[in-house]
């Protein structure tokens, strides 16, 4: 109902509106899509299928940037063959859109790690990664648990690629600060 109201441009009742909703971004994503293609449950199933297909490509490209090709291919194939993802894709639930946003976040963070390896300081990429993780959390709960793990993963990836201890620690600290800041900027209104 919230998605349909959003698609029609109807005013959302404050008692069950966006700010009180359990997964507020889901209604914005689904409503925006329905405003483009028409209001129906089938439209959401199509959107879920698109999100799932794009997720496989994002998983492959992110893993390809930070790991050998066979691992990237295996990761994408595991997603493509996921029966759980296929089941969620045939519903109007929020998992596919939230999962897609978390995969976009991981792809952006993989780009940031590549930038760190080249000696850049990709603050904007880390910040965007944090925002995307938070948006994913507003669509599908529990993805916020990625935030504390990002600096540890960055530290591991940078230390294994020959960056000195100081460079790896600086990259991990930069990742932690900017990912947390991005998540906080995005989640702040809902927390307050």
N, C-alpha and C. Protein backbone atom coordinates (compact mmCIF):
# COMPACT_ATOMS: atom_id res chain seq x y z
N UNK A 1 0.82 -1.19 0.00
CA UNK A 1 0.00 0.00 0.00
C UNK A 1 0.86 1.26 0.00
N UNK A 2 1.95 1.24 0.79
CA UNK A 2 2.83 2.41 0.81
C UNK A 2 3.48 2.62 -0.55
N UNK A 3 3.91 1.54 -1.19
CA UNK A 3 4.52 1.65 -2.52
C UNK A 3 3.53 2.21 -3.53
N UNK A 4 2.31 1.72 -3.47
CA UNK A 4 1.29 2.21 -4.41
C UNK A 4 0.97 3.67 -4.14
N UNK A 5 0.87 4.05 -2.87
CA UNK A 5 0.64 5.46 -2.53
C UNK A 5 1.78 6.33 -3.05
N UNK A 6 3.00 5.87 -2.87
CA UNK A 6 4.16 6.62 -3.35
C UNK A 6 4.11 6.75 -4.86
N UNK A 7 3.76 5.68 -5.56
CA UNK A 7 3.69 5.70 -7.02
C UNK A 7 2.64 6.69 -7.52
N UNK A 8 1.54 6.80 -6.78
CA UNK A 8 0.46 7.71 -7.18
C UNK A 8 0.72 9.15 -6.74
N UNK A 9 1.74 9.34 -5.90
CA UNK A 9 2.01 10.67 -5.38
C UNK A 9 1.05 11.05 -4.26
N UNK A 10 0.43 10.04 -3.66
CA UNK A 10 -0.53 10.30 -2.58
C UNK A 10 0.21 10.66 -1.30
N UNK A 11 -0.43 11.42 -0.46
CA UNK A 11 0.16 11.79 0.83
C UNK A 11 0.14 10.56 1.73
N UNK A 12 1.26 10.31 2.39
CA UNK A 12 1.38 9.14 3.25
C UNK A 12 0.91 9.50 4.65
N UNK A 13 0.04 8.69 5.19
CA UNK A 13 -0.47 8.88 6.54
C UNK A 13 0.68 8.77 7.55
N UNK A 14 0.80 9.75 8.45
CA UNK A 14 1.93 9.79 9.38
C UNK A 14 1.96 8.62 10.34
N UNK A 15 0.81 8.00 10.63
CA UNK A 15 0.82 6.91 11.61
C UNK A 15 1.45 5.64 11.04
N UNK A 16 1.43 5.46 9.75
CA UNK A 16 2.08 4.28 9.17
C UNK A 16 2.98 4.68 8.01
N UNK A 17 3.42 5.91 8.05
CA UNK A 17 4.19 6.46 6.93
C UNK A 17 5.65 6.06 6.91
N UNK A 18 6.37 6.73 6.05
CA UNK A 18 7.76 6.39 5.78
C UNK A 18 8.65 6.43 7.02
N UNK A 19 8.45 7.40 7.89
CA UNK A 19 9.35 7.54 9.03
C UNK A 19 9.11 6.46 10.07
N UNK A 20 7.92 5.90 10.08
CA UNK A 20 7.61 4.83 11.04
C UNK A 20 7.79 3.45 10.42
N UNK A 21 7.95 3.39 9.13
CA UNK A 21 7.98 2.10 8.44
C UNK A 21 9.21 1.29 8.83
N UNK A 22 9.04 0.00 8.81
CA UNK A 22 10.14 -0.89 9.16
C UNK A 22 11.24 -0.86 8.12
N UNK A 23 10.89 -0.79 6.88
CA UNK A 23 11.86 -0.76 5.78
C UNK A 23 11.48 0.38 4.84
N UNK A 24 11.73 1.61 5.25
CA UNK A 24 11.18 2.76 4.51
C UNK A 24 11.66 2.90 3.07
N UNK A 25 12.89 2.55 2.78
CA UNK A 25 13.39 2.74 1.42
C UNK A 25 12.74 1.78 0.44
N UNK A 26 12.28 0.65 0.91
CA UNK A 26 11.60 -0.31 0.04
C UNK A 26 10.42 0.34 -0.65
N UNK A 27 9.65 1.12 0.09
CA UNK A 27 8.45 1.73 -0.48
C UNK A 27 8.80 2.80 -1.50
N UNK A 28 9.92 3.49 -1.27
CA UNK A 28 10.37 4.50 -2.22
C UNK A 28 10.85 3.82 -3.50
N UNK A 29 11.66 2.77 -3.36
CA UNK A 29 12.17 2.06 -4.54
C UNK A 29 11.03 1.43 -5.32
N UNK A 30 10.19 0.66 -4.64
CA UNK A 30 9.09 -0.02 -5.33
C UNK A 30 8.09 0.98 -5.90
N UNK A 31 7.78 2.03 -5.14
CA UNK A 31 6.85 3.05 -5.63
C UNK A 31 7.38 3.80 -6.83
N UNK A 32 8.68 4.11 -6.82
CA UNK A 32 9.29 4.79 -7.97
C UNK A 32 9.23 3.91 -9.21
N UNK A 33 9.52 2.64 -9.03
CA UNK A 33 9.47 1.70 -10.15
C UNK A 33 8.05 1.60 -10.69
N UNK A 34 7.07 1.46 -9.78
CA UNK A 34 5.68 1.35 -10.22
C UNK A 34 5.20 2.63 -10.90
N UNK A 35 5.72 3.78 -10.48
CA UNK A 35 5.36 5.04 -11.14
C UNK A 35 5.85 5.03 -12.60
N UNK A 36 6.95 4.33 -12.85
CA UNK A 36 7.49 4.26 -14.22
C UNK A 36 6.78 3.23 -15.08
N UNK A 37 6.51 2.04 -14.51
CA UNK A 37 6.03 0.93 -15.34
C UNK A 37 4.59 0.54 -15.10
N UNK A 38 3.98 1.06 -14.07
CA UNK A 38 2.59 0.72 -13.77
C UNK A 38 2.48 0.05 -12.41
N UNK A 39 1.34 0.24 -11.80
CA UNK A 39 1.13 -0.26 -10.44
C UNK A 39 0.60 -1.69 -10.50
N UNK A 40 1.47 -2.62 -10.09
CA UNK A 40 1.08 -4.03 -10.00
C UNK A 40 2.14 -4.78 -9.23
N UNK A 41 1.75 -5.92 -8.69
CA UNK A 41 2.71 -6.77 -7.99
C UNK A 41 3.72 -7.34 -8.99
N UNK A 42 3.28 -7.59 -10.22
CA UNK A 42 4.18 -8.12 -11.23
C UNK A 42 5.33 -7.16 -11.52
N UNK A 43 5.05 -5.86 -11.46
CA UNK A 43 6.11 -4.87 -11.68
C UNK A 43 7.23 -5.04 -10.65
N UNK A 44 6.89 -5.34 -9.40
CA UNK A 44 7.89 -5.53 -8.36
C UNK A 44 8.66 -6.82 -8.61
N UNK A 45 8.00 -7.85 -9.09
CA UNK A 45 8.70 -9.10 -9.42
C UNK A 45 9.72 -8.85 -10.53
N UNK A 46 9.35 -8.06 -11.52
CA UNK A 46 10.29 -7.71 -12.60
C UNK A 46 11.47 -6.92 -12.03
N UNK A 47 11.19 -5.95 -11.16
CA UNK A 47 12.26 -5.18 -10.52
C UNK A 47 13.18 -6.10 -9.73
N UNK A 48 12.60 -7.04 -8.99
CA UNK A 48 13.42 -7.98 -8.22
C UNK A 48 14.31 -8.82 -9.12
N UNK A 49 13.79 -9.24 -10.27
CA UNK A 49 14.60 -10.02 -11.20
C UNK A 49 15.75 -9.17 -11.76
N UNK A 50 15.48 -7.90 -12.06
CA UNK A 50 16.53 -7.01 -12.53
C UNK A 50 17.60 -6.81 -11.45
N UNK A 51 17.17 -6.59 -10.22
CA UNK A 51 18.12 -6.41 -9.12
C UNK A 51 18.99 -7.66 -8.95
N UNK A 52 18.38 -8.82 -9.05
CA UNK A 52 19.12 -10.06 -8.89
C UNK A 52 20.15 -10.27 -10.00
N UNK A 53 19.72 -10.00 -11.23
CA UNK A 53 20.64 -10.15 -12.36
C UNK A 53 21.80 -9.17 -12.29
N UNK A 54 21.51 -7.92 -11.95
CA UNK A 54 22.57 -6.93 -11.81
C UNK A 54 23.49 -7.26 -10.64
N UNK A 55 22.93 -7.85 -9.60
CA UNK A 55 23.76 -8.24 -8.44
C UNK A 55 24.82 -9.25 -8.84
N UNK A 56 24.47 -10.19 -9.69
CA UNK A 56 25.46 -11.19 -10.13
C UNK A 56 26.63 -10.50 -10.84
N UNK A 57 26.32 -9.54 -11.69
CA UNK A 57 27.37 -8.80 -12.37
C UNK A 57 28.22 -7.97 -11.42
N UNK A 58 27.58 -7.33 -10.45
CA UNK A 58 28.33 -6.55 -9.46
C UNK A 58 29.23 -7.42 -8.60
N UNK A 59 28.71 -8.57 -8.20
CA UNK A 59 29.51 -9.50 -7.40
C UNK A 59 30.74 -9.94 -8.19
N UNK A 60 30.53 -10.30 -9.45
CA UNK A 60 31.65 -10.73 -10.28
C UNK A 60 32.70 -9.63 -10.40
N UNK A 61 32.25 -8.42 -10.74
CA UNK A 61 33.21 -7.33 -10.97
C UNK A 61 33.93 -6.93 -9.68
N UNK A 62 33.21 -6.87 -8.57
CA UNK A 62 33.86 -6.53 -7.30
C UNK A 62 34.91 -7.56 -6.92
N UNK A 63 34.54 -8.83 -7.02
CA UNK A 63 35.50 -9.89 -6.67
C UNK A 63 36.66 -9.94 -7.65
N UNK A 64 36.40 -9.66 -8.92
CA UNK A 64 37.47 -9.67 -9.92
C UNK A 64 38.54 -8.63 -9.60
N UNK A 65 38.12 -7.53 -9.02
CA UNK A 65 39.06 -6.47 -8.69
C UNK A 65 39.94 -6.78 -7.48
N UNK A 66 39.46 -7.63 -6.58
CA UNK A 66 40.20 -7.87 -5.34
C UNK A 66 40.65 -9.32 -5.17
N UNK A 67 40.33 -10.19 -6.13
CA UNK A 67 40.70 -11.60 -6.01
C UNK A 67 40.93 -12.20 -7.40
N UNK A 68 41.46 -13.40 -7.46
CA UNK A 68 41.67 -14.04 -8.77
C UNK A 68 40.35 -14.32 -9.50
N UNK A 69 40.44 -14.44 -10.82
CA UNK A 69 39.28 -14.64 -11.68
C UNK A 69 38.42 -15.83 -11.26
N UNK A 70 38.99 -17.00 -10.94
CA UNK A 70 38.13 -18.14 -10.57
C UNK A 70 37.25 -17.85 -9.35
N UNK A 71 37.76 -17.10 -8.39
CA UNK A 71 36.96 -16.76 -7.21
C UNK A 71 35.83 -15.83 -7.60
N UNK A 72 36.11 -14.86 -8.46
CA UNK A 72 35.07 -13.94 -8.93
C UNK A 72 33.98 -14.69 -9.68
N UNK A 73 34.38 -15.59 -10.54
CA UNK A 73 33.41 -16.38 -11.30
C UNK A 73 32.58 -17.26 -10.37
N UNK A 74 33.23 -17.90 -9.41
CA UNK A 74 32.51 -18.74 -8.46
C UNK A 74 31.51 -17.93 -7.64
N UNK A 75 31.92 -16.74 -7.17
CA UNK A 75 31.01 -15.89 -6.40
C UNK A 75 29.78 -15.50 -7.20
N UNK A 76 29.97 -15.12 -8.46
CA UNK A 76 28.84 -14.74 -9.31
C UNK A 76 27.95 -15.94 -9.60
N UNK A 77 28.55 -17.10 -9.83
CA UNK A 77 27.75 -18.30 -10.10
C UNK A 77 26.97 -18.76 -8.88
N UNK A 78 27.55 -18.62 -7.70
CA UNK A 78 26.83 -18.97 -6.47
C UNK A 78 25.60 -18.09 -6.33
N UNK A 79 25.77 -16.80 -6.60
CA UNK A 79 24.61 -15.91 -6.54
C UNK A 79 23.59 -16.27 -7.62
N UNK A 80 24.05 -16.47 -8.83
CA UNK A 80 23.15 -16.76 -9.94
C UNK A 80 22.36 -18.05 -9.69
N UNK A 81 22.96 -19.01 -9.00
CA UNK A 81 22.29 -20.28 -8.72
C UNK A 81 21.58 -20.34 -7.38
N UNK A 82 21.50 -19.22 -6.69
CA UNK A 82 20.90 -19.21 -5.36
C UNK A 82 19.39 -19.43 -5.43
N UNK A 83 18.95 -20.50 -4.82
CA UNK A 83 17.51 -20.79 -4.79
C UNK A 83 16.78 -19.80 -3.90
N UNK A 84 17.45 -19.34 -2.84
CA UNK A 84 16.83 -18.37 -1.94
C UNK A 84 16.59 -17.05 -2.66
N UNK A 85 17.58 -16.58 -3.41
CA UNK A 85 17.42 -15.34 -4.16
C UNK A 85 16.33 -15.50 -5.21
N UNK A 86 16.26 -16.65 -5.84
CA UNK A 86 15.21 -16.89 -6.84
C UNK A 86 13.84 -16.87 -6.18
N UNK A 87 13.73 -17.44 -4.98
CA UNK A 87 12.45 -17.44 -4.28
C UNK A 87 12.03 -16.02 -3.89
N UNK A 88 12.97 -15.23 -3.36
CA UNK A 88 12.65 -13.85 -3.00
C UNK A 88 12.30 -13.01 -4.22
N UNK A 89 12.91 -13.33 -5.34
CA UNK A 89 12.65 -12.57 -6.56
C UNK A 89 11.23 -12.69 -7.06
N UNK A 90 10.52 -13.72 -6.67
CA UNK A 90 9.14 -13.91 -7.13
C UNK A 90 8.11 -13.34 -6.15
N UNK A 91 8.59 -12.58 -5.17
CA UNK A 91 7.70 -11.97 -4.19
C UNK A 91 7.81 -10.45 -4.28
N UNK A 92 7.04 -9.76 -3.45
CA UNK A 92 7.15 -8.30 -3.37
C UNK A 92 7.92 -7.89 -2.11
N UNK A 93 8.69 -8.81 -1.55
CA UNK A 93 9.47 -8.52 -0.35
C UNK A 93 10.64 -7.59 -0.68
N UNK A 94 11.28 -7.09 0.35
CA UNK A 94 12.34 -6.08 0.17
C UNK A 94 13.73 -6.67 0.01
N UNK A 95 13.89 -7.97 0.17
CA UNK A 95 15.22 -8.55 0.14
C UNK A 95 15.99 -8.28 -1.15
N UNK A 96 15.39 -8.45 -2.35
CA UNK A 96 16.18 -8.21 -3.56
C UNK A 96 16.71 -6.78 -3.70
N UNK A 97 15.90 -5.77 -3.37
CA UNK A 97 16.39 -4.40 -3.50
C UNK A 97 17.44 -4.09 -2.44
N UNK A 98 17.24 -4.58 -1.22
CA UNK A 98 18.25 -4.37 -0.18
C UNK A 98 19.54 -5.09 -0.50
N UNK A 99 19.42 -6.31 -1.00
CA UNK A 99 20.59 -7.10 -1.38
C UNK A 99 21.33 -6.41 -2.53
N UNK A 100 20.58 -5.88 -3.49
CA UNK A 100 21.20 -5.17 -4.60
C UNK A 100 21.98 -3.96 -4.10
N UNK A 101 21.40 -3.18 -3.21
CA UNK A 101 22.10 -2.00 -2.68
C UNK A 101 23.35 -2.40 -1.90
N UNK A 102 23.30 -3.51 -1.18
CA UNK A 102 24.50 -3.96 -0.46
C UNK A 102 25.56 -4.42 -1.44
N UNK A 103 25.16 -5.01 -2.57
CA UNK A 103 26.13 -5.41 -3.59
C UNK A 103 26.74 -4.20 -4.29
N UNK A 104 25.95 -3.15 -4.49
CA UNK A 104 26.51 -1.92 -5.05
C UNK A 104 27.52 -1.34 -4.07
N UNK A 105 27.19 -1.38 -2.77
CA UNK A 105 28.12 -0.88 -1.74
C UNK A 105 29.43 -1.66 -1.77
N UNK A 106 29.34 -2.98 -1.86
CA UNK A 106 30.56 -3.79 -1.88
C UNK A 106 31.37 -3.53 -3.15
N UNK A 107 30.69 -3.28 -4.27
CA UNK A 107 31.39 -2.96 -5.51
C UNK A 107 32.14 -1.63 -5.37
N UNK A 108 31.48 -0.63 -4.79
CA UNK A 108 32.12 0.68 -4.58
C UNK A 108 33.31 0.53 -3.63
N UNK A 109 33.15 -0.29 -2.60
CA UNK A 109 34.26 -0.50 -1.66
C UNK A 109 35.41 -1.25 -2.32
N UNK A 110 35.11 -2.16 -3.25
CA UNK A 110 36.18 -2.83 -3.99
C UNK A 110 36.95 -1.82 -4.85
N UNK A 111 36.22 -0.87 -5.45
CA UNK A 111 36.89 0.20 -6.21
C UNK A 111 37.79 1.02 -5.29
N UNK A 112 37.33 1.26 -4.07
CA UNK A 112 38.13 2.03 -3.11
C UNK A 112 39.41 1.29 -2.76
N UNK A 113 39.32 -0.01 -2.56
CA UNK A 113 40.51 -0.81 -2.23
C UNK A 113 41.51 -0.77 -3.38
N UNK A 114 41.02 -0.84 -4.61
CA UNK A 114 41.90 -0.74 -5.77
C UNK A 114 42.57 0.63 -5.78
N UNK A 115 41.82 1.67 -5.44
CA UNK A 115 42.40 3.01 -5.35
C UNK A 115 43.48 3.09 -4.28
N UNK A 116 43.25 2.45 -3.14
CA UNK A 116 44.26 2.42 -2.06
C UNK A 116 45.54 1.76 -2.56
N UNK A 117 45.41 0.68 -3.32
CA UNK A 117 46.58 -0.03 -3.84
C UNK A 117 47.40 0.85 -4.78
N UNK A 118 46.72 1.75 -5.50
CA UNK A 118 47.41 2.65 -6.42
C UNK A 118 47.97 3.88 -5.71
N UNK A 119 47.81 3.94 -4.41
CA UNK A 119 48.34 5.06 -3.65
C UNK A 119 47.39 6.23 -3.52
N UNK A 120 46.16 6.06 -3.96
CA UNK A 120 45.17 7.12 -3.82
C UNK A 120 44.58 7.06 -2.40
N UNK A 121 43.84 8.06 -2.03
CA UNK A 121 43.11 8.06 -0.76
C UNK A 121 41.63 8.22 -1.09
N UNK A 122 40.93 7.13 -1.40
CA UNK A 122 39.57 7.20 -1.94
C UNK A 122 38.49 7.48 -0.88
N UNK A 123 38.58 8.64 -0.26
CA UNK A 123 37.64 9.00 0.80
C UNK A 123 36.19 9.01 0.30
N UNK A 124 35.98 9.59 -0.89
CA UNK A 124 34.62 9.68 -1.44
C UNK A 124 34.03 8.30 -1.70
N UNK A 125 34.84 7.37 -2.17
CA UNK A 125 34.34 6.02 -2.43
C UNK A 125 33.96 5.33 -1.12
N UNK A 126 34.78 5.50 -0.09
CA UNK A 126 34.43 4.92 1.21
C UNK A 126 33.15 5.55 1.77
N UNK A 127 33.03 6.87 1.64
CA UNK A 127 31.84 7.57 2.12
C UNK A 127 30.60 7.06 1.38
N UNK A 128 30.69 6.95 0.05
CA UNK A 128 29.58 6.44 -0.74
C UNK A 128 29.26 5.00 -0.35
N UNK A 129 30.28 4.20 -0.10
CA UNK A 129 30.04 2.82 0.35
C UNK A 129 29.25 2.79 1.65
N UNK A 130 29.59 3.67 2.58
CA UNK A 130 28.85 3.75 3.84
C UNK A 130 27.41 4.17 3.64
N UNK A 131 27.20 5.15 2.76
CA UNK A 131 25.83 5.59 2.45
C UNK A 131 25.03 4.45 1.85
N UNK A 132 25.63 3.72 0.92
CA UNK A 132 24.93 2.61 0.27
C UNK A 132 24.63 1.48 1.24
N UNK A 133 25.54 1.20 2.16
CA UNK A 133 25.26 0.18 3.18
C UNK A 133 24.07 0.62 4.03
N UNK A 134 24.05 1.90 4.40
CA UNK A 134 22.94 2.41 5.21
C UNK A 134 21.62 2.36 4.42
N UNK A 135 21.65 2.74 3.14
CA UNK A 135 20.45 2.66 2.32
C UNK A 135 19.97 1.22 2.20
N UNK A 136 20.91 0.31 2.06
CA UNK A 136 20.55 -1.10 2.03
C UNK A 136 19.87 -1.50 3.33
N UNK A 137 20.37 -0.98 4.43
CA UNK A 137 19.78 -1.29 5.73
C UNK A 137 18.37 -0.71 5.86
N UNK A 138 18.11 0.42 5.21
CA UNK A 138 16.77 1.00 5.23
C UNK A 138 15.81 0.24 4.33
N UNK A 139 16.36 -0.61 3.46
CA UNK A 139 15.53 -1.44 2.61
C UNK A 139 15.43 -2.87 3.15
N UNK A 140 16.50 -3.33 3.73
CA UNK A 140 16.54 -4.71 4.23
C UNK A 140 17.41 -4.71 5.49
N UNK A 141 16.85 -4.97 6.64
CA UNK A 141 17.61 -4.86 7.90
C UNK A 141 18.81 -5.78 7.98
N UNK A 142 19.70 -5.42 8.85
CA UNK A 142 20.88 -6.19 9.25
C UNK A 142 22.09 -6.05 8.35
N UNK A 143 22.00 -5.34 7.25
CA UNK A 143 23.19 -5.13 6.44
C UNK A 143 24.14 -4.13 7.09
N UNK A 144 23.70 -3.41 8.09
CA UNK A 144 24.55 -2.44 8.78
C UNK A 144 25.71 -3.15 9.48
N UNK A 145 25.59 -4.43 9.68
CA UNK A 145 26.67 -5.20 10.31
C UNK A 145 27.93 -5.24 9.43
N UNK A 146 27.80 -4.83 8.16
CA UNK A 146 28.98 -4.73 7.30
C UNK A 146 29.94 -3.63 7.74
N UNK A 147 29.40 -2.57 8.34
CA UNK A 147 30.22 -1.38 8.64
C UNK A 147 31.44 -1.70 9.48
N UNK A 148 31.32 -2.41 10.62
CA UNK A 148 32.54 -2.67 11.41
C UNK A 148 33.51 -3.64 10.71
N UNK A 149 33.01 -4.44 9.79
CA UNK A 149 33.89 -5.39 9.12
C UNK A 149 34.70 -4.80 7.98
N UNK A 150 34.27 -3.66 7.45
CA UNK A 150 34.95 -3.06 6.29
C UNK A 150 36.41 -2.73 6.59
N UNK A 151 36.73 -2.02 7.71
CA UNK A 151 38.15 -1.71 7.94
C UNK A 151 39.01 -2.96 8.08
N UNK A 152 38.47 -4.00 8.70
CA UNK A 152 39.24 -5.25 8.85
C UNK A 152 39.50 -5.90 7.49
N UNK A 153 38.49 -5.90 6.64
CA UNK A 153 38.67 -6.46 5.30
C UNK A 153 39.67 -5.65 4.49
N UNK A 154 39.57 -4.32 4.57
CA UNK A 154 40.52 -3.46 3.86
C UNK A 154 41.94 -3.71 4.36
N UNK A 155 42.11 -3.82 5.67
CA UNK A 155 43.42 -4.10 6.24
C UNK A 155 43.97 -5.42 5.71
N UNK A 156 43.14 -6.44 5.69
CA UNK A 156 43.56 -7.75 5.18
C UNK A 156 43.95 -7.67 3.71
N UNK A 157 43.11 -7.04 2.89
CA UNK A 157 43.39 -6.96 1.45
C UNK A 157 44.63 -6.14 1.15
N UNK A 158 44.81 -5.04 1.86
CA UNK A 158 45.97 -4.18 1.59
C UNK A 158 47.26 -4.82 2.09
N UNK A 159 47.22 -5.48 3.23
CA UNK A 159 48.45 -6.08 3.76
C UNK A 159 48.88 -7.29 2.92
N UNK A 160 47.94 -7.95 2.27
CA UNK A 160 48.28 -9.10 1.42
C UNK A 160 48.80 -8.67 0.06
N UNK A 161 48.60 -7.43 -0.32
CA UNK A 161 49.02 -6.94 -1.64
C UNK A 161 50.30 -6.14 -1.60
N UNK A 162 51.09 -6.32 -0.56
CA UNK A 162 52.40 -5.69 -0.54
C UNK A 162 52.44 -4.26 -0.06
N UNK A 163 51.33 -3.70 0.33
CA UNK A 163 51.36 -2.36 0.91
C UNK A 163 52.03 -2.48 2.27
N UNK A 164 52.85 -1.56 2.62
CA UNK A 164 53.52 -1.60 3.91
C UNK A 164 52.52 -1.58 5.05
N UNK A 165 53.02 -1.93 6.24
CA UNK A 165 52.14 -1.98 7.40
C UNK A 165 51.48 -0.62 7.65
N UNK A 166 52.25 0.44 7.51
CA UNK A 166 51.72 1.78 7.72
C UNK A 166 50.65 2.12 6.68
N UNK A 167 50.90 1.81 5.42
CA UNK A 167 49.92 2.08 4.36
C UNK A 167 48.64 1.28 4.55
N UNK A 168 48.78 0.02 4.95
CA UNK A 168 47.59 -0.81 5.19
C UNK A 168 46.78 -0.30 6.37
N UNK A 169 47.47 0.12 7.43
CA UNK A 169 46.77 0.65 8.60
C UNK A 169 46.07 1.96 8.28
N UNK A 170 46.74 2.84 7.53
CA UNK A 170 46.11 4.11 7.13
C UNK A 170 44.89 3.87 6.25
N UNK A 171 45.00 2.95 5.31
CA UNK A 171 43.86 2.62 4.45
C UNK A 171 42.69 2.07 5.24
N UNK A 172 42.98 1.19 6.20
CA UNK A 172 41.92 0.61 7.03
C UNK A 172 41.27 1.68 7.90
N UNK A 173 42.09 2.57 8.46
CA UNK A 173 41.54 3.65 9.30
C UNK A 173 40.68 4.59 8.45
N UNK A 174 41.15 4.92 7.26
CA UNK A 174 40.39 5.79 6.35
C UNK A 174 39.06 5.12 6.00
N UNK A 175 39.12 3.83 5.69
CA UNK A 175 37.90 3.09 5.35
C UNK A 175 36.92 3.12 6.52
N UNK A 176 37.42 2.85 7.72
CA UNK A 176 36.54 2.82 8.89
C UNK A 176 35.86 4.15 9.16
N UNK A 177 36.63 5.23 9.11
CA UNK A 177 36.10 6.55 9.40
C UNK A 177 35.06 6.97 8.36
N UNK A 178 35.40 6.84 7.09
CA UNK A 178 34.51 7.36 6.05
C UNK A 178 33.30 6.45 5.80
N UNK A 179 33.45 5.15 5.95
CA UNK A 179 32.29 4.26 5.82
C UNK A 179 31.32 4.52 6.97
N UNK A 180 31.84 4.65 8.19
CA UNK A 180 30.98 4.92 9.35
C UNK A 180 30.30 6.29 9.20
N UNK A 181 31.04 7.29 8.72
CA UNK A 181 30.47 8.62 8.52
C UNK A 181 29.35 8.58 7.48
N UNK A 182 29.58 7.88 6.38
CA UNK A 182 28.54 7.76 5.34
C UNK A 182 27.29 7.08 5.88
N UNK A 183 27.48 6.01 6.66
CA UNK A 183 26.32 5.31 7.24
C UNK A 183 25.59 6.21 8.22
N UNK A 184 26.34 6.95 9.03
CA UNK A 184 25.74 7.84 10.02
C UNK A 184 24.96 8.97 9.37
N UNK A 185 25.50 9.56 8.32
CA UNK A 185 24.81 10.64 7.60
C UNK A 185 23.47 10.14 7.08
N UNK A 186 23.47 8.94 6.55
CA UNK A 186 22.26 8.40 5.95
C UNK A 186 21.25 7.90 6.99
N UNK A 187 21.73 7.23 8.03
CA UNK A 187 20.83 6.68 9.04
C UNK A 187 20.45 7.67 10.13
N UNK A 188 21.18 8.77 10.22
CA UNK A 188 20.93 9.74 11.28
C UNK A 188 19.48 10.16 11.43
N UNK A 189 18.79 10.55 10.35
CA UNK A 189 17.39 10.96 10.50
C UNK A 189 16.50 9.87 11.11
N UNK A 190 16.72 8.62 10.74
CA UNK A 190 15.88 7.55 11.27
C UNK A 190 16.25 7.23 12.72
N UNK A 191 17.51 7.36 13.06
CA UNK A 191 17.92 7.13 14.44
C UNK A 191 17.33 8.18 15.36
N UNK A 192 17.40 9.46 14.91
CA UNK A 192 16.84 10.56 15.70
C UNK A 192 15.35 10.40 15.82
